[in-house]
Amino acid sequence: MVLDAVVNDDALGFCMFDSGGRLQLWNEAFLDIYAVPHGRLGTGDSFRDVLRVLRSAGNALVAPSQIAE
């Protein structure tokens, strides 16, 4: 299955949101690439919440306040 291959690819960081902008799926590589501690992301987290977690891990991304609703 293609989705399984992508999610389990150690070199490819992956996360997926639903149509409401809520986190549904991510892989270990995503956490490793962005130095996100395990347990900091959860299913249903908003896109803004994920950005906050990424920024708190030291990633220079756009501020959550700069994202349109």
C-alpha atoms as a PDB file:
ATOM      1  CA  MET A   1       0.000   0.000   0.000  1.00  0.00           C
ATOM      2  CA  VAL A   2       1.395   3.420  -0.974  1.00  0.00           C
ATOM      3  CA  LEU A   3       0.240   5.257   2.152  1.00  0.00           C
ATOM      4  CA  ASP A   4       1.885   2.667   4.388  1.00  0.00           C
ATOM      5  CA  ALA A   5       5.143   3.019   2.441  1.00  0.00           C
ATOM      6  CA  VAL A   6       5.125   6.812   2.785  1.00  0.00           C
ATOM      7  CA  VAL A   7       4.237   6.809   6.464  1.00  0.00           C
ATOM      8  CA  ASN A   8       6.945   4.282   7.280  1.00  0.00           C
ATOM      9  CA  ASP A   9       9.702   5.853   5.138  1.00  0.00           C
ATOM     10  CA  ASP A  10      12.537   6.798   7.516  1.00  0.00           C
ATOM     11  CA  ALA A  11      13.814   9.535   5.190  1.00  0.00           C
ATOM     12  CA  LEU A  12      10.474  11.232   4.546  1.00  0.00           C
ATOM     13  CA  GLY A  13       8.857  13.315   7.261  1.00  0.00           C
ATOM     14  CA  PHE A  14       5.109  13.124   6.846  1.00  0.00           C
ATOM     15  CA  CYS A  15       2.010  14.560   8.482  1.00  0.00           C
ATOM     16  CA  MET A  16      -1.568  14.756   7.257  1.00  0.00           C
ATOM     17  CA  PHE A  17      -4.474  16.981   8.253  1.00  0.00           C
ATOM     18  CA  ASP A  18      -8.183  16.450   7.688  1.00  0.00           C
ATOM     19  CA  SER A  19     -10.440  18.926   5.879  1.00  0.00           C
ATOM     20  CA  GLY A  20     -11.001  20.770   9.157  1.00  0.00           C
ATOM     21  CA  GLY A  21      -7.286  21.400   9.622  1.00  0.00           C
ATOM     22  CA  ARG A  22      -6.844  18.781  12.365  1.00  0.00           C
ATOM     23  CA  LEU A  23      -3.804  16.522  12.524  1.00  0.00           C
ATOM     24  CA  GLN A  24      -4.656  12.931  11.676  1.00  0.00           C
ATOM     25  CA  LEU A  25      -1.405  11.146  10.873  1.00  0.00           C
ATOM     26  CA  TRP A  26       2.372  11.629  11.163  1.00  0.00           C
ATOM     27  CA  ASN A  27       5.448   9.463  11.222  1.00  0.00           C
ATOM     28  CA  GLU A  28       8.561   9.120  13.352  1.00  0.00           C
ATOM     29  CA  ALA A  29      10.682  10.767  10.660  1.00  0.00           C
ATOM     30  CA  PHE A  30       8.559  13.936  10.919  1.00  0.00           C
ATOM     31  CA  LEU A  31       9.239  14.078  14.656  1.00  0.00           C
ATOM     32  CA  ASP A  32      12.936  13.402  14.148  1.00  0.00           C
ATOM     33  CA  ILE A  33      13.431  15.903  11.318  1.00  0.00           C
ATOM     34  CA  TYR A  34      11.779  18.712  13.289  1.00  0.00           C
ATOM     35  CA  ALA A  35      13.150  17.600  16.697  1.00  0.00           C
ATOM     36  CA  VAL A  36       9.668  17.303  18.161  1.00  0.00           C
ATOM     37  CA  PRO A  37       9.612  15.350  21.426  1.00  0.00           C
ATOM     38  CA  HIS A  38       7.413  12.272  21.350  1.00  0.00           C
ATOM     39  CA  GLY A  39       4.030  12.917  22.900  1.00  0.00           C
ATOM     40  CA  ARG A  40       3.897  16.607  21.914  1.00  0.00           C
ATOM     41  CA  LEU A  41       1.616  16.017  18.917  1.00  0.00           C
ATOM     42  CA  GLY A  42      -1.746  14.345  19.059  1.00  0.00           C
ATOM     43  CA  THR A  43      -4.511  13.344  16.719  1.00  0.00           C
ATOM     44  CA  GLY A  44      -6.903  16.267  16.416  1.00  0.00           C
ATOM     45  CA  ASP A  45      -4.322  18.989  17.080  1.00  0.00           C
ATOM     46  CA  SER A  46      -5.034  22.056  14.974  1.00  0.00           C
ATOM     47  CA  PHE A  47      -2.652  23.248  12.278  1.00  0.00           C
ATOM     48  CA  ARG A  48      -1.835  26.238  14.492  1.00  0.00           C
ATOM     49  CA  ASP A  49      -1.099  23.933  17.426  1.00  0.00           C
ATOM     50  CA  VAL A  50       1.325  21.942  15.261  1.00  0.00           C
ATOM     51  CA  LEU A  51       3.051  25.167  14.199  1.00  0.00           C
ATOM     52  CA  ARG A  52       3.411  26.175  17.845  1.00  0.00           C
ATOM     53  CA  VAL A  53       4.968  22.817  18.697  1.00  0.00           C
ATOM     54  CA  LEU A  54       7.361  23.075  15.754  1.00  0.00           C
ATOM     55  CA  ARG A  55       8.390  26.609  16.745  1.00  0.00           C
ATOM     56  CA  SER A  56       8.887  25.597  20.378  1.00  0.00           C
ATOM     57  CA  ALA A  57      11.213  22.841  19.142  1.00  0.00           C
ATOM     58  CA  GLY A  58      13.381  25.528  17.519  1.00  0.00           C
ATOM     59  CA  ASN A  59      12.099  25.431  13.962  1.00  0.00           C
ATOM     60  CA  ALA A  60      11.913  28.829  12.244  1.00  0.00           C
ATOM     61  CA  LEU A  61       8.493  28.672  10.658  1.00  0.00           C
ATOM     62  CA  VAL A  62       5.814  31.247  10.120  1.00  0.00           C
ATOM     63  CA  ALA A  63       4.160  32.355  13.354  1.00  0.00           C
ATOM     64  CA  PRO A  64       0.742  30.785  13.996  1.00  0.00           C
ATOM     65  CA  SER A  65      -0.733  34.296  14.181  1.00  0.00           C
ATOM     66  CA  GLN A  66       0.261  34.842  10.534  1.00  0.00           C
ATOM     67  CA  ILE A  67      -1.949  31.984   9.315  1.00  0.00           C
ATOM     68  CA  ALA A  68      -5.395  32.967   8.041  1.00  0.00           C
ATOM     69  CA  GLU A  69      -8.368  31.223   9.592  1.00  0.00           C
END
